[in-house]
Protein backbone atom coordinates (compact mmCIF):
# COMPACT_ATOMS: atom_id res chain seq x y z
CA UNK A 1 -3.05 -13.26 -7.02
CA UNK A 2 -5.12 -11.44 -8.81
CA UNK A 3 -3.13 -7.95 -9.54
CA UNK A 4 -4.81 -4.27 -8.44
CA UNK A 5 -6.56 -3.24 -11.68
CA UNK A 6 -7.36 0.53 -11.60
CA UNK A 7 -9.96 1.79 -14.15
CA UNK A 8 -10.66 4.73 -15.48
CA UNK A 9 -14.35 5.91 -16.91
CA UNK A 10 -14.00 7.84 -19.88
CA UNK A 11 -16.90 9.80 -21.86
CA UNK A 12 -17.33 8.29 -25.52
CA UNK A 13 -20.54 10.96 -26.70
CA UNK A 14 -20.76 8.44 -30.43
CA UNK A 15 -20.65 5.05 -27.89
CA UNK A 16 -22.89 6.91 -25.44
CA UNK A 17 -25.73 7.76 -27.77
CA UNK A 18 -25.08 4.21 -29.80
CA UNK A 19 -25.75 2.34 -26.77
CA UNK A 20 -28.92 5.27 -25.67
CA UNK A 21 -30.41 4.04 -29.35
CA UNK A 22 -29.51 0.10 -28.84
CA UNK A 23 -31.99 0.67 -25.35
CA UNK A 24 -34.62 2.78 -27.12
CA UNK A 25 -35.20 0.23 -29.44
CA UNK A 26 -35.12 -2.49 -26.70
CA UNK A 27 -38.84 -3.22 -27.61
CA UNK A 28 -37.88 -4.06 -31.20
CA UNK A 29 -35.41 -6.09 -31.06
CA UNK A 30 -35.91 -8.17 -28.12
CA UNK A 31 -39.08 -9.24 -29.91
CA UNK A 32 -37.15 -10.35 -32.96
CA UNK A 33 -37.36 -14.09 -32.21
CA UNK A 34 -40.82 -14.66 -31.64
CA UNK A 35 -41.51 -12.93 -35.24
CA UNK A 36 -38.83 -15.30 -36.20
CA UNK A 37 -40.42 -18.56 -34.57
CA UNK A 38 -43.89 -17.12 -36.06
CA UNK A 39 -43.01 -16.70 -39.87
CA UNK A 40 -40.44 -18.38 -40.58
CA UNK A 41 -40.80 -21.29 -38.43
CA UNK A 42 -41.43 -24.76 -40.84
CA UNK A 43 -40.64 -22.60 -43.97
CA UNK A 44 -36.99 -21.94 -42.91
CA UNK A 45 -34.80 -23.18 -40.08
CA UNK A 46 -31.82 -20.65 -41.05
CA UNK A 47 -34.13 -17.54 -40.96
CA UNK A 48 -35.64 -18.86 -37.79
CA UNK A 49 -31.78 -19.38 -35.99
CA UNK A 50 -30.77 -15.55 -37.38
CA UNK A 51 -34.08 -14.00 -35.97
CA UNK A 52 -33.09 -16.17 -32.83
CA UNK A 53 -30.01 -14.42 -32.81
CA UNK A 54 -29.86 -11.00 -33.25
CA UNK A 55 -31.06 -9.82 -29.25
CA UNK A 56 -27.35 -11.89 -28.82
CA UNK A 57 -25.89 -9.29 -31.40
CA UNK A 58 -27.26 -6.35 -29.98
CA UNK A 59 -26.91 -7.45 -26.42
CA UNK A 60 -22.98 -8.12 -27.22
CA UNK A 61 -22.78 -4.28 -28.87
CA UNK A 62 -24.63 -2.72 -26.29
CA UNK A 63 -22.10 -4.27 -23.80
CA UNK A 64 -19.08 -2.90 -25.77
CA UNK A 65 -20.66 0.26 -25.97
CA UNK A 66 -20.80 0.58 -22.52
CA UNK A 67 -17.35 -0.76 -21.54
CA UNK A 68 -15.29 2.48 -21.68
CA UNK A 69 -12.36 1.94 -19.57
CA UNK A 70 -8.49 2.90 -19.18
CA UNK A 71 -6.68 0.03 -17.19
CA UNK A 72 -3.77 0.53 -15.37
CA UNK A 73 -1.78 -2.02 -13.22
CA UNK A 74 1.21 -2.11 -11.15
CA UNK A 75 2.88 -3.14 -14.43
CA UNK A 76 1.87 -0.39 -16.80
CA UNK A 77 -1.18 1.73 -18.57
CA UNK A 78 -3.55 0.21 -20.99
CA UNK A 79 -5.50 2.02 -23.37
CA UNK A 80 -8.86 1.26 -25.50
CA UNK A 81 -8.62 0.98 -29.42
CA UNK A 82 -10.92 4.23 -29.29
CA UNK A 83 -8.97 6.57 -28.02
CA UNK A 84 -5.42 5.22 -29.29
CA UNK A 85 -5.42 7.10 -32.59
CA UNK A 86 -5.08 5.63 -35.79
CA UNK A 87 -4.79 2.04 -34.24
CA UNK A 88 -7.48 -0.54 -34.81
CA UNK A 89 -6.12 -2.39 -31.53
CA UNK A 90 -5.47 -0.80 -27.90
CA UNK A 91 -2.41 0.56 -26.64
CA UNK A 92 -0.17 -0.70 -23.86
CA UNK A 93 2.64 0.54 -22.22
CA UNK A 94 4.97 -0.97 -18.82
CA UNK A 95 5.83 1.56 -16.27
CA UNK A 96 9.80 0.63 -17.07
CA UNK A 97 8.72 1.53 -20.77
CA UNK A 98 7.90 5.24 -20.05
CA UNK A 99 10.75 7.85 -20.32
CA UNK A 100 8.53 10.90 -19.44
CA UNK A 101 4.68 11.51 -18.40
CA UNK A 102 3.55 15.27 -18.77
CA UNK A 103 0.49 17.31 -19.42
CA UNK A 104 0.56 18.88 -22.68
CA UNK A 105 -2.19 21.19 -24.27
CA UNK A 106 -4.40 24.20 -22.91
CA UNK A 107 -8.29 24.36 -21.81
CA UNK A 108 -10.14 21.57 -22.59
CA UNK A 109 -7.46 20.00 -25.27
CA UNK A 110 -5.42 19.12 -22.15
CA UNK A 111 -4.35 15.42 -22.22
CA UNK A 112 -1.31 13.89 -19.74
CA UNK A 113 0.90 12.29 -22.34
CA UNK A 114 3.18 9.25 -21.85
CA UNK A 115 6.21 9.02 -23.72
CA UNK A 116 7.79 5.65 -24.53
CA UNK A 117 11.92 5.32 -24.21
CA UNK A 118 11.70 3.74 -28.06
CA UNK A 119 10.35 4.90 -30.91
CA UNK A 120 8.83 1.34 -31.77
CA UNK A 121 6.63 1.58 -28.40
CA UNK A 122 3.30 3.72 -29.23
CA UNK A 123 3.10 7.18 -27.46
CA UNK A 124 0.04 6.98 -25.36
CA UNK A 125 -2.21 10.03 -25.01
CA UNK A 126 -5.18 10.56 -22.37
CA UNK A 127 -7.76 13.26 -23.16
CA UNK A 128 -8.46 14.85 -19.94
CA UNK A 129 -11.84 16.07 -21.68
CA UNK A 130 -12.93 12.57 -21.32
CA UNK A 131 -12.30 12.43 -17.93
CA UNK A 132 -14.20 14.14 -14.83
CA UNK A 133 -12.16 15.41 -12.22
CA UNK A 134 -12.55 12.20 -10.20
CA UNK A 135 -10.98 9.95 -12.56
CA UNK A 136 -8.63 12.51 -13.49
CA UNK A 137 -7.29 12.75 -9.99
CA UNK A 138 -7.38 8.35 -10.06
CA UNK A 139 -4.73 9.19 -12.79
CA UNK A 140 -2.55 11.33 -11.18
CA UNK A 141 -2.20 9.50 -8.20
CA UNK A 142 -1.87 6.58 -9.92
CA UNK A 143 1.13 7.66 -11.82
CA UNK A 144 2.59 8.49 -9.00
CA UNK A 145 1.88 5.65 -7.15
CA UNK A 146 3.28 3.40 -9.72
CA UNK A 147 5.30 5.12 -11.93
CA UNK A 148 9.13 4.88 -10.98
CA UNK A 149 11.73 8.12 -11.11
CA UNK A 150 11.00 11.42 -10.83
CA UNK A 151 7.39 13.12 -12.14
CA UNK A 152 6.74 16.18 -14.36
CA UNK A 153 6.05 19.31 -12.46
CA UNK A 154 3.20 20.06 -15.09
CA UNK A 155 1.50 16.87 -13.14
CA UNK A 156 1.77 18.18 -9.75
CA UNK A 157 0.83 21.81 -11.41
CA UNK A 158 -2.56 19.74 -12.81
CA UNK A 159 -3.08 17.97 -8.75
CA UNK A 160 -3.33 21.22 -7.11
CA UNK A 161 -5.71 22.62 -9.53
CA UNK A 162 -7.76 19.90 -8.97
CA UNK A 163 -7.31 19.94 -5.33
CA UNK A 164 -8.52 23.95 -5.45
CA UNK A 165 -11.52 22.86 -7.20
CA UNK A 166 -12.51 20.26 -4.99
CA UNK A 167 -11.87 22.42 -2.00
CA UNK A 168 -15.40 23.34 -1.73
CA UNK A 169 -16.49 19.27 -2.77
CA UNK A 170 -16.75 16.54 0.20
CA UNK A 171 -14.31 14.45 0.47
CA UNK A 172 -16.25 11.11 -0.91
CA UNK A 173 -15.67 12.88 -4.07
CA UNK A 174 -12.38 12.76 -4.23
CA UNK A 175 -9.59 10.10 -5.23
CA UNK A 176 -6.72 9.17 -2.93
CA UNK A 177 -3.85 7.00 -2.54
CA UNK A 178 -6.23 5.62 0.48
CA UNK A 179 -8.45 4.29 -1.98
CA UNK A 180 -5.67 2.37 -3.75
CA UNK A 181 -4.33 1.35 -0.30
CA UNK A 182 -8.09 0.11 0.65
CA UNK A 183 -8.81 -1.94 -2.63
CA UNK A 184 -4.86 -3.44 -2.69
CA UNK A 185 -5.92 -4.54 0.90
CA UNK A 186 -8.83 -6.05 0.19
CA UNK A 187 -7.38 -7.83 -2.89
CA UNK A 188 -4.30 -9.25 -0.49
CA UNK A 189 -6.73 -10.28 2.48
CA UNK A 190 -7.63 -13.83 2.66
CA UNK A 191 -8.92 -15.64 6.01
CA UNK A 192 -7.10 -18.46 7.31
CA UNK A 193 -7.83 -20.52 10.02
CA UNK A 194 -5.43 -19.53 12.19
CA UNK A 195 -5.98 -19.80 16.31
CA UNK A 196 -3.48 -18.24 18.43
CA UNK A 197 -2.24 -20.24 21.65
CA UNK A 198 -4.13 -20.38 25.01
CA UNK A 199 -2.44 -19.10 28.11
CA UNK A 200 -0.77 -22.37 29.84
CA UNK A 201 -0.08 -23.92 27.20
CA UNK A 202 3.78 -24.59 26.77
CA UNK A 203 6.60 -24.99 23.91
CA UNK A 204 9.73 -25.99 22.51
CA UNK A 205 9.27 -29.14 24.80
CA UNK A 206 7.80 -27.81 28.08
CA UNK A 207 10.90 -25.05 28.03
CA UNK A 208 8.24 -22.26 27.34
CA UNK A 209 5.45 -21.34 28.90
CA UNK A 210 2.68 -18.65 27.22
CA UNK A 211 1.49 -16.74 29.77
CA UNK A 212 -0.51 -14.58 27.98
CA UNK A 213 -1.71 -13.44 24.28
CA UNK A 214 -0.24 -8.99 24.18
CA UNK A 215 -1.49 -8.97 20.60
CA UNK A 216 -2.76 -10.97 16.79
CA UNK A 217 -3.75 -10.48 13.93
CA UNK A 218 -3.63 -12.14 10.28
CA UNK A 219 -1.15 -15.35 10.62
CA UNK A 220 0.96 -13.78 13.81
CA UNK A 221 0.75 -13.09 16.96
CA UNK A 222 2.76 -12.13 20.39
CA UNK A 223 2.90 -13.39 23.78
CA UNK A 224 4.53 -12.66 27.15
CA UNK A 225 5.77 -16.12 28.31
CA UNK A 226 7.77 -17.59 30.58
CA UNK A 227 10.83 -20.08 30.23
CA UNK A 228 11.67 -22.57 33.27
CA UNK A 229 13.76 -20.19 35.20
CA UNK A 230 11.00 -17.52 35.82
CA UNK A 231 12.26 -15.34 33.36
CA UNK A 232 9.95 -13.39 31.48
CA UNK A 233 10.40 -13.19 27.48
CA UNK A 234 8.44 -11.90 24.49
CA UNK A 235 7.39 -15.11 22.22
CA UNK A 236 6.64 -14.03 18.35
CA UNK A 237 4.62 -16.70 16.29
CA UNK A 238 4.01 -16.85 12.47
CA UNK A 239 1.86 -18.85 10.81
CA UNK A 240 2.53 -20.47 7.09
CA UNK A 241 -1.29 -22.26 6.51
CA UNK A 242 -1.19 -25.96 6.17
CA UNK A 243 -3.10 -25.69 2.74
CA UNK A 244 0.41 -24.10 0.68
CA UNK A 245 2.61 -26.82 -0.87
CA UNK A 246 5.75 -27.91 1.05
CA UNK A 247 7.98 -26.33 -1.03
CA UNK A 248 6.97 -23.17 -0.38
CA UNK A 249 6.36 -23.89 3.51
CA UNK A 250 10.13 -25.08 3.58
CA UNK A 251 11.01 -21.71 1.86
CA UNK A 252 9.44 -19.78 4.42
CA UNK A 253 10.94 -21.39 7.15
CA UNK A 254 14.24 -21.18 5.59
CA UNK A 255 13.64 -17.37 5.11
CA UNK A 256 12.65 -16.85 8.79
CA UNK A 257 15.37 -18.82 10.13
CA UNK A 258 17.95 -16.52 7.46
CA UNK A 259 16.59 -13.41 8.85
CA UNK A 260 16.22 -14.58 12.47
CA UNK A 261 20.23 -15.27 12.40
CA UNK A 262 20.90 -12.00 11.36
CA UNK A 263 18.44 -10.22 13.97
CA UNK A 264 19.98 -12.01 16.86
CA UNK A 265 23.56 -10.57 16.00
CA UNK A 266 22.12 -6.94 16.89
CA UNK A 267 23.44 -5.51 19.37
CA UNK A 268 22.52 -2.35 20.77
CA UNK A 269 20.74 -1.12 23.87
CA UNK A 270 17.42 0.85 22.17
CA UNK A 271 16.99 -2.40 20.16
CA UNK A 272 15.08 -5.36 21.63
CA UNK A 273 17.35 -8.59 22.09
CA UNK A 274 16.13 -11.57 19.78
CA UNK A 275 17.25 -14.17 21.88
CA UNK A 276 16.48 -17.34 19.98
CA UNK A 277 14.38 -18.59 17.05
CA UNK A 278 12.74 -22.08 16.19
CA UNK A 279 10.16 -24.17 14.49
CA UNK A 280 7.81 -26.02 16.44
CA UNK A 281 4.20 -27.01 14.64
CA UNK A 282 4.17 -25.58 11.82
CA UNK A 283 4.92 -22.56 13.30
CA UNK A 284 7.58 -20.19 13.35
CA UNK A 285 8.77 -18.32 16.69
CA UNK A 286 11.28 -15.61 17.85
CA UNK A 287 12.40 -15.56 21.28
CA UNK A 288 12.78 -12.02 21.89
CA UNK A 289 14.05 -10.00 25.67
CA UNK A 290 10.88 -8.45 27.23
CA UNK A 291 10.55 -4.68 27.33
CA UNK A 292 8.68 -3.04 29.74
CA UNK A 293 6.72 0.16 29.82
CA UNK A 294 4.20 1.56 27.08
CA UNK A 295 4.58 1.55 23.65
CA UNK A 296 4.50 5.16 22.25
CA UNK A 297 0.94 4.53 20.89
CA UNK A 298 -0.33 3.39 24.98
CA UNK A 299 1.68 6.75 25.84
CA UNK A 300 -0.10 9.15 23.69
CA UNK A 301 -3.35 7.96 24.29
CA UNK A 302 -2.61 8.05 28.22
CA UNK A 303 -1.22 11.92 28.01
CA UNK A 304 -2.32 13.44 24.71
CA UNK A 305 -0.19 14.90 21.11
CA UNK A 306 3.25 15.51 22.56
CA UNK A 307 4.96 19.21 23.46
CA UNK A 308 7.90 19.44 20.36
CA UNK A 309 10.65 19.44 22.84
CA UNK A 310 9.94 15.36 23.99
CA UNK A 311 9.07 14.65 20.55
CA UNK A 312 12.56 15.81 19.45
CA UNK A 313 14.25 13.59 21.68
CA UNK A 314 12.21 10.51 21.41
CA UNK A 315 13.30 11.51 17.56
CA UNK A 316 16.51 11.61 18.09
CA UNK A 317 16.38 8.23 19.71
CA UNK A 318 14.48 6.88 16.58
CA UNK A 319 17.44 8.45 14.24
CA UNK A 320 20.20 7.14 16.27
CA UNK A 321 17.96 3.55 16.04
CA UNK A 322 17.61 3.66 12.07
CA UNK A 323 21.12 4.57 11.83
CA UNK A 324 22.40 1.73 13.63
CA UNK A 325 20.28 -0.69 11.43
CA UNK A 326 20.83 0.64 7.83
CA UNK A 327 24.68 0.33 8.80
CA UNK A 328 24.39 -3.22 8.97
CA UNK A 329 25.59 -5.20 6.13
CA UNK A 330 23.03 -5.92 4.59
CA UNK A 331 21.04 -3.45 6.21
CA UNK A 332 17.97 -4.02 8.44
CA UNK A 333 15.37 -3.01 7.70
CA UNK A 334 12.85 -2.94 10.81
CA UNK A 335 9.83 -2.62 8.21
CA UNK A 336 7.06 -1.40 11.30
CA UNK A 337 8.78 1.34 12.57
CA UNK A 338 5.41 2.92 14.19
CA UNK A 339 4.51 4.34 17.61
CA UNK A 340 3.34 0.43 18.17
CA UNK A 341 6.51 -1.12 17.98
CA UNK A 342 8.36 2.01 19.92
CA UNK A 343 8.52 1.64 24.32
CA UNK A 344 9.40 4.03 26.40
CA UNK A 345 10.62 2.97 29.06
CA UNK A 346 11.13 4.72 32.64
CA UNK A 347 14.07 6.18 32.58
CA UNK A 348 13.28 7.99 29.14
CA UNK A 349 14.92 5.16 26.79
CA UNK A 350 13.00 4.60 23.79
CA UNK A 351 13.55 0.59 22.23
CA UNK A 352 12.53 -0.50 18.93
CA UNK A 353 10.72 -4.35 19.10
CA UNK A 354 8.81 -6.42 17.04
CA UNK A 355 10.51 -6.17 13.43
CA UNK A 356 8.72 -7.21 10.56
CA UNK A 357 12.17 -8.34 8.48
CA UNK A 358 11.46 -12.05 9.93
CA UNK A 359 7.62 -12.20 8.57
CA UNK A 360 8.28 -10.46 5.04
CA UNK A 361 8.87 -14.02 3.45
CA UNK A 362 5.69 -15.16 5.37
CA UNK A 363 3.55 -11.80 4.41
CA UNK A 364 4.05 -12.28 0.90
CA UNK A 365 3.53 -15.36 0.74
CA UNK A 366 0.20 -15.72 2.63
CA UNK A 367 -0.89 -12.34 1.15
CA UNK A 368 -1.02 -10.38 4.49
CA UNK A 369 0.64 -6.97 5.27
CA UNK A 370 3.98 -6.75 6.73
CA UNK A 371 3.48 -3.58 8.41
CA UNK A 372 0.36 -0.70 9.83
CA UNK A 373 -1.00 0.34 7.15
CA UNK A 374 -1.25 3.64 7.68
CA UNK A 375 2.84 3.66 7.92
CA UNK A 376 3.47 2.18 4.77
CA UNK A 377 5.64 3.66 2.27
CA UNK A 378 4.47 3.72 -1.25
CA UNK A 379 7.86 1.53 -2.32
CA UNK A 380 6.93 -0.92 0.62
CA UNK A 381 3.32 -1.31 -0.37
CA UNK A 382 4.18 -2.12 -4.03
CA UNK A 383 6.86 -5.09 -2.43
CA UNK A 384 10.19 -3.18 -2.57
CA UNK A 385 10.82 -1.84 0.87
CA UNK A 386 14.40 -0.30 1.44
CA UNK A 387 15.97 1.97 4.61
CA UNK A 388 14.01 4.77 3.48
CA UNK A 389 11.17 3.13 4.01
CA UNK A 390 11.74 2.69 7.93
CA UNK A 391 12.51 6.60 6.84
CA UNK A 392 8.75 7.21 5.70
CA UNK A 393 7.04 5.22 8.69
CA UNK A 394 9.51 7.08 11.48
CA UNK A 395 7.99 10.41 9.93
CA UNK A 396 4.40 9.08 10.10
CA UNK A 397 5.38 8.08 14.15
CA UNK A 398 6.44 11.63 14.62
CA UNK A 399 3.12 13.16 12.85
CA UNK A 400 1.48 10.68 15.11
CA UNK A 401 3.13 12.04 18.58
CA UNK A 402 2.50 15.36 17.45
CA UNK A 403 -1.11 15.35 16.41
CA UNK A 404 -2.24 12.50 18.39
CA UNK A 405 -3.92 11.21 14.90
CA UNK A 406 -2.29 8.35 12.43
CA UNK A 407 -1.30 9.65 9.47
CA UNK A 408 -3.12 9.19 6.06
CA UNK A 409 -2.05 6.20 4.12
CA UNK A 410 0.00 6.50 1.74
CA UNK A 411 0.36 10.53 2.01
CA UNK A 412 2.78 13.21 2.40
CA UNK A 413 2.43 14.39 6.13
CA UNK A 414 2.25 17.96 7.31
CA UNK A 415 1.70 18.16 10.85
CA UNK A 416 1.03 22.28 10.88
CA UNK A 417 -2.01 21.49 8.88
CA UNK A 418 -3.52 20.14 12.60
CA UNK A 419 -1.34 21.94 15.56
CA UNK A 420 1.25 24.15 15.91
CA UNK A 421 4.36 23.09 16.06
CA UNK A 422 7.60 24.90 14.39
CA UNK A 423 8.55 24.97 10.99
CA UNK A 424 11.58 23.39 11.11
CA UNK A 425 10.11 19.95 12.84
CA UNK A 426 6.79 20.21 9.90
CA UNK A 427 9.63 20.78 7.25
CA UNK A 428 11.35 17.63 8.51
CA UNK A 429 8.34 15.36 9.05
CA UNK A 430 7.10 16.46 5.35
CA UNK A 431 10.48 15.26 3.86
CA UNK A 432 10.78 12.18 5.46
CA UNK A 433 6.89 11.18 4.29
CA UNK A 434 8.01 11.97 0.73
CA UNK A 435 6.94 9.36 -1.88
CA UNK A 436 9.99 10.70 -4.22
CA UNK A 437 12.78 12.89 -3.35
CA UNK A 438 12.21 11.63 0.50
CA UNK A 439 15.17 12.20 2.96
CA UNK A 440 18.61 9.77 1.92
CA UNK A 441 19.04 9.15 5.27
CA UNK A 442 19.13 8.03 9.06
CA UNK A 443 22.00 9.75 9.66
CA UNK A 444 20.98 13.05 7.48
CA UNK A 445 17.77 12.81 9.49
CA UNK A 446 19.70 12.91 12.87
CA UNK A 447 21.78 16.06 11.34
CA UNK A 448 18.60 17.84 10.87
CA UNK A 449 17.28 17.16 14.20
CA UNK A 450 20.58 17.57 16.09
CA UNK A 451 20.14 21.51 14.04
CA UNK A 452 16.44 22.00 15.20
CA UNK A 453 17.47 21.00 18.94
CA UNK A 454 20.20 23.92 19.30
CA UNK A 455 18.00 26.16 17.29
CA UNK A 456 14.62 25.69 19.19
């Protein structure tokens, strides 16, 4: 699978001038093969061949002069030779080889400097006068997304300066985390022939009957089903396509079974009970208890954005759920802690459903995401989910409840920009969705919620 590559187009007056000169003389060098054929045919085969090769040389040179890009991917940053001062070859640094990245210089001489961890590695300097505002913003967003560790304050200052400059421009001229997210989704998505089961179909030797599909997408589906005893249950189905190697499919089954056994051990009244698991016909299934009530997305669609007091009550219940999950050994990461997977029962109790954990390996193997895109934390987007990734999703969910709108993907959420909300709650949502320096644990988030509730 090809890696996501971010390309920064930079300006080079010398290259641009040379390319323009070659293009303007196209009529001259394009007819050289014809002239060679007329004047050298029968005299010198070598001269005829040389005349014929001239346009190819100019076209190759034109392509080289027209390619002016700095390349960045999940592994590191690569500079072309003409921006790598004093080097005949380009320069490359892996993100894990960078000790510090910062903005240096003043005015038009500003540059983003990447200092390596060791002296034998090159120092990379990106001159900002070669990039327009959009390309500079793309550079800063990519650093924020891919480079681990704390970021220098000078990078944030430059980012804020760009935002002020872009304030009067249309959103189409701005680059954001969402652009990277959408590019990555396009790269990862691969269509597959997956057909959900129809109502009336029986599985597990006829012991479970499909009543109706509740949701489907990608390579998974969720059904309302019934047992032979007439009990309603929920069946979650995941599929590895037949085209995948048998070794990969076996590994996926093992991972699914391990995660399912882990989920079956959970015993908390605010978490849906995983009753069993099985595989059949190349598909893997989780059997869960049926929970009645609307999910939070349905509830907001019915009632509109919620009052702050109700959001606080729901937030405390969310924190309780995550405290329990993350206190397990090893910690259980929900990976899909969104409005769609939190059901509000008639008695006001919140119940988390539809874990993404049991499908993670299947998602990675098939190139499909586990989780709603607008609620995926940057590190989960990079394939390194942690308990804090659930906190990010919780922050996005609180933003949705307060504003009635999904958060912007891979961005810090601040509900105060949309609605009237207490500063303390707005700050909590903000801190839950930080890419770096996020709230450390669900217990800390719960403690802050208690203080907000008692002082509101």
